Amino acid sequence: MDIKTLQQKIAYHGVFLGLVGLLASGALATADLVTHDEILAAEKRDLEASLKQVLPADLADNDLLKDAVRLQRKDGKEVVVYRARLGGEPKGAVFEVSSRGYAGDVVALMGVDAAGTVLGVRVIKHMETPGLGDKIEIAKNSWILDFNGKALGTPPIEKWGVKKDGGVFDQFAGATITPRAVVKAVREGMEFYRDNRSEIYARPAELAAKEK
């Protein structure tokens, strides 16, 4: 094979691979455009379902997904707070809290009423050990319901811990780290709400403004 023929073959393969790459990129872009709205709609449905688990339906007549603000915690992390209103009056808020568990961060969604009393908590993400740490899931155990009705001072702040640490919340046999993390996350969430309550309800709905 002479040099000229070889060069032609190399050039052909280069063009062919380029066309394949271009077609693949176009297909991926098209698929993304087609599924984008469906993905957003599914995420919205999931979020609405989660909000309903920690917030009584009769506590709000507004659109929580639009009546929301973004605030920063003391550690610099951003928190999206969904505000519940009834007849325009503040009735509660829902936001995510998190803390380090045994295998990674445990993320929960918590709802509190206007006074700061816990309405509900649901773990929405974790990597804890199946059969042990996963008892923080409502589908596996009712433990998470123990937060309902609790508030800062009820019990006293020093009792916001698992029983092994002198607190009032049960731990799991062989998995103390996980419930300890959830208790810590909820307590810190209540402190965040207490410290930012005025700003939470006073600020305009940032998410709604961005959608207009």
Protein backbone atom coordinates (compact mmCIF):
# COMPACT_ATOMS: atom_id res chain seq x y z
CA MET A 1 0.00 0.00 0.00
CA ASP A 2 1.47 3.37 -1.01
CA ILE A 3 1.49 6.46 1.19
CA LYS A 4 -1.26 8.21 -0.77
CA THR A 5 -3.71 5.32 -0.38
CA LEU A 6 -2.93 5.08 3.34
CA GLN A 7 -3.51 8.81 3.81
CA GLN A 8 -6.86 8.55 2.05
CA LYS A 9 -7.95 5.68 4.33
CA ILE A 10 -6.89 7.56 7.46
CA ALA A 11 -8.77 10.64 6.31
CA TYR A 12 -11.86 8.53 5.58
CA HIS A 13 -11.84 6.96 9.03
CA GLY A 14 -11.43 10.38 10.63
CA VAL A 15 -14.40 11.80 8.75
CA PHE A 16 -16.49 8.70 9.49
CA LEU A 17 -15.76 8.85 13.22
CA GLY A 18 -16.52 12.55 13.20
CA LEU A 19 -19.91 11.96 11.60
CA VAL A 20 -20.71 9.19 14.10
CA GLY A 21 -19.83 11.48 16.98
CA LEU A 22 -21.93 14.29 15.52
CA LEU A 23 -24.95 12.03 15.05
CA ALA A 24 -24.61 10.64 18.58
CA SER A 25 -24.41 14.14 20.06
CA GLY A 26 -27.47 15.18 18.09
CA ALA A 27 -29.42 12.15 19.29
CA LEU A 28 -28.51 12.84 22.91
CA ALA A 29 -29.46 16.51 22.59
CA THR A 30 -32.81 15.58 21.02
CA ALA A 31 -33.53 13.02 23.74
CA ASP A 32 -32.73 15.60 26.41
CA LEU A 33 -35.12 18.12 24.87
CA VAL A 34 -37.89 15.54 24.56
CA THR A 35 -37.59 14.26 28.15
CA HIS A 36 -36.72 17.56 29.88
CA ASP A 37 -40.30 18.62 30.60
CA GLU A 38 -41.29 15.10 31.67
CA ILE A 39 -38.38 14.95 34.12
CA LEU A 40 -39.27 18.34 35.59
CA ALA A 41 -42.92 17.30 35.93
CA ALA A 42 -41.93 14.05 37.69
CA GLU A 43 -39.63 15.94 40.08
CA LYS A 44 -42.45 18.36 40.86
CA ARG A 45 -44.86 15.50 41.60
CA ASP A 46 -42.30 13.83 43.88
CA LEU A 47 -41.69 17.06 45.77
CA GLU A 48 -45.40 17.75 46.18
CA ALA A 49 -45.91 14.22 47.52
CA SER A 50 -43.05 14.69 50.01
CA LEU A 51 -44.40 18.04 51.18
CA LYS A 52 -47.80 16.49 51.87
CA GLN A 53 -46.20 13.89 54.13
CA VAL A 54 -44.84 16.50 56.55
CA LEU A 55 -47.51 19.19 56.26
CA PRO A 56 -51.25 18.71 56.96
CA ALA A 57 -53.36 19.51 53.88
CA ASP A 58 -55.68 21.85 55.84
CA LEU A 59 -52.78 24.04 56.93
CA ALA A 60 -52.22 25.76 53.59
CA ASP A 61 -54.23 27.14 50.68
CA ASN A 62 -51.27 28.56 48.76
CA ASP A 63 -48.91 26.96 46.24
CA LEU A 64 -45.93 25.92 48.36
CA LEU A 65 -43.74 25.27 45.34
CA LYS A 66 -44.03 28.91 44.31
CA ASP A 67 -44.18 30.49 47.77
CA ALA A 68 -40.59 29.67 48.66
CA VAL A 69 -37.39 31.48 49.59
CA ARG A 70 -33.71 30.62 49.59
CA LEU A 71 -31.74 31.26 52.78
CA GLN A 72 -28.26 30.42 54.00
CA ARG A 73 -27.48 28.42 57.10
CA LYS A 74 -24.64 29.29 59.44
CA ASP A 75 -22.41 26.79 57.62
CA GLY A 76 -23.03 28.59 54.34
CA LYS A 77 -25.26 25.93 52.78
CA GLU A 78 -28.36 27.15 50.95
CA VAL A 79 -31.79 26.08 52.15
CA VAL A 80 -35.00 26.33 50.15
CA VAL A 81 -37.91 27.01 52.51
CA TYR A 82 -41.47 26.30 51.32
CA ARG A 83 -43.95 28.44 53.20
CA ALA A 84 -47.47 27.38 54.15
CA ARG A 85 -50.12 30.10 54.37
CA LEU A 86 -53.83 29.97 55.05
CA GLY A 87 -55.79 33.06 54.10
CA GLY A 88 -52.47 34.84 53.70
CA GLU A 89 -51.40 34.12 57.27
CA PRO A 90 -48.16 32.15 57.95
CA LYS A 91 -48.98 28.66 59.17
CA GLY A 92 -45.73 26.77 58.79
CA ALA A 93 -42.73 25.92 56.67
CA VAL A 94 -41.04 22.90 55.08
CA PHE A 95 -37.33 22.55 54.34
CA GLU A 96 -34.51 20.02 54.12
CA VAL A 97 -32.14 19.20 56.97
CA SER A 98 -29.15 16.90 56.96
CA SER A 99 -26.40 15.42 59.11
CA ARG A 100 -23.62 12.89 58.68
CA GLY A 101 -24.74 9.32 59.37
CA TYR A 102 -22.78 6.07 59.38
CA ALA A 103 -22.27 5.73 55.62
CA GLY A 104 -22.95 9.27 54.40
CA ASP A 105 -25.25 12.24 54.78
CA VAL A 106 -28.80 11.57 55.95
CA VAL A 107 -31.17 14.07 54.32
CA ALA A 108 -34.66 14.65 55.66
CA LEU A 109 -37.59 16.90 54.88
CA MET A 110 -39.20 18.47 57.93
CA GLY A 111 -42.31 20.54 58.43
CA VAL A 112 -42.86 22.93 61.33
CA ASP A 113 -45.86 25.05 62.26
CA ALA A 114 -45.69 28.82 62.71
CA ALA A 115 -44.73 28.43 66.39
CA GLY A 116 -41.87 26.04 65.61
CA THR A 117 -43.49 22.73 66.55
CA VAL A 118 -42.58 19.74 64.39
CA LEU A 119 -45.42 18.66 62.11
CA GLY A 120 -43.56 15.81 60.47
CA VAL A 121 -40.16 14.51 59.37
CA ARG A 122 -39.37 12.13 56.50
CA VAL A 123 -35.95 10.87 55.45
CA ILE A 124 -35.64 11.33 51.69
CA LYS A 125 -32.03 10.27 51.11
CA HIS A 126 -29.50 8.11 52.96
CA MET A 127 -26.91 5.37 52.48
CA GLU A 128 -27.31 3.63 55.84
CA THR A 129 -27.03 -0.13 56.37
CA PRO A 130 -30.10 -2.12 55.24
CA GLY A 131 -31.79 -3.84 58.17
CA LEU A 132 -30.16 -1.52 60.70
CA GLY A 133 -29.86 2.16 59.83
CA ASP A 134 -32.67 2.11 57.30
CA LYS A 135 -35.20 2.00 60.15
CA ILE A 136 -35.25 5.78 59.82
CA GLU A 137 -37.49 5.24 56.77
CA ILE A 138 -41.21 5.45 57.50
CA ALA A 139 -41.76 2.38 55.32
CA LYS A 140 -39.48 0.32 57.58
CA ASN A 141 -40.25 1.66 61.05
CA SER A 142 -42.45 4.24 62.81
CA TRP A 143 -39.47 5.70 64.70
CA ILE A 144 -39.45 8.90 62.64
CA LEU A 145 -42.95 9.75 63.94
CA ASP A 146 -41.51 10.39 67.41
CA PHE A 147 -40.56 13.90 66.24
CA ASN A 148 -44.20 14.90 65.73
CA GLY A 149 -45.28 17.51 68.25
CA LYS A 150 -41.75 18.14 69.52
CA ALA A 151 -40.32 21.65 69.84
CA LEU A 152 -37.23 23.39 71.18
CA GLY A 153 -37.81 23.23 74.91
CA THR A 154 -40.23 20.30 74.55
CA PRO A 155 -38.22 18.30 75.42
CA PRO A 156 -35.49 20.55 76.90
CA ILE A 157 -32.69 21.20 74.42
CA GLU A 158 -30.25 19.03 76.39
CA LYS A 159 -32.63 16.10 75.92
CA TRP A 160 -32.55 16.37 72.14
CA GLY A 161 -30.50 13.22 71.67
CA VAL A 162 -30.77 9.44 71.67
CA LYS A 163 -31.23 7.69 75.03
CA LYS A 164 -27.67 6.39 74.94
CA ASP A 165 -26.54 10.04 75.08
CA GLY A 166 -29.04 11.00 77.77
CA GLY A 167 -31.75 12.11 75.36
CA VAL A 168 -35.36 11.04 74.87
CA PHE A 169 -35.21 9.39 71.45
CA ASP A 170 -34.75 5.66 70.96
CA GLN A 171 -31.70 4.31 69.18
CA PHE A 172 -31.55 1.12 67.11
CA ALA A 173 -29.74 -1.98 68.30
CA GLY A 174 -26.38 -1.98 66.54
CA ALA A 175 -27.03 1.33 64.77
CA THR A 176 -26.86 4.27 67.15
CA ILE A 177 -25.02 6.57 64.75
CA THR A 178 -27.91 6.79 62.29
CA PRO A 179 -30.73 7.89 64.65
CA ARG A 180 -28.25 10.19 66.38
CA ALA A 181 -27.65 11.90 63.03
CA VAL A 182 -31.37 12.34 62.38
CA VAL A 183 -32.00 13.80 65.84
CA LYS A 184 -29.12 16.23 65.31
CA ALA A 185 -30.42 17.25 61.88
CA VAL A 186 -33.93 17.90 63.18
CA ARG A 187 -32.70 19.85 66.21
CA GLU A 188 -30.49 22.02 64.00
CA GLY A 189 -33.41 22.49 61.62
CA MET A 190 -35.57 23.79 64.43
CA GLU A 191 -32.82 26.15 65.54
CA PHE A 192 -32.52 27.39 61.94
CA TYR A 193 -36.27 28.04 61.84
CA ARG A 194 -36.21 29.81 65.19
CA ASP A 195 -33.34 32.07 64.16
CA ASN A 196 -34.75 32.90 60.71
CA ARG A 197 -38.50 32.88 61.26
CA SER A 198 -39.01 36.61 60.69
CA GLU A 199 -36.95 36.62 57.52
CA ILE A 200 -38.59 33.45 56.21
CA TYR A 201 -42.07 34.99 56.17
CA ALA A 202 -41.05 38.56 55.39
CA ARG A 203 -39.10 37.92 52.20
CA PRO A 204 -40.80 37.84 48.78
CA ALA A 205 -41.23 34.48 47.06
CA GLU A 206 -37.99 34.19 45.12
CA LEU A 207 -38.86 30.98 43.27
CA ALA A 208 -42.16 32.39 42.02
CA ALA A 209 -40.41 35.52 40.79
CA LYS A 210 -37.94 33.45 38.77
CA GLU A 211 -40.74 31.52 37.06
CA LYS A 212 -42.56 34.62 35.82
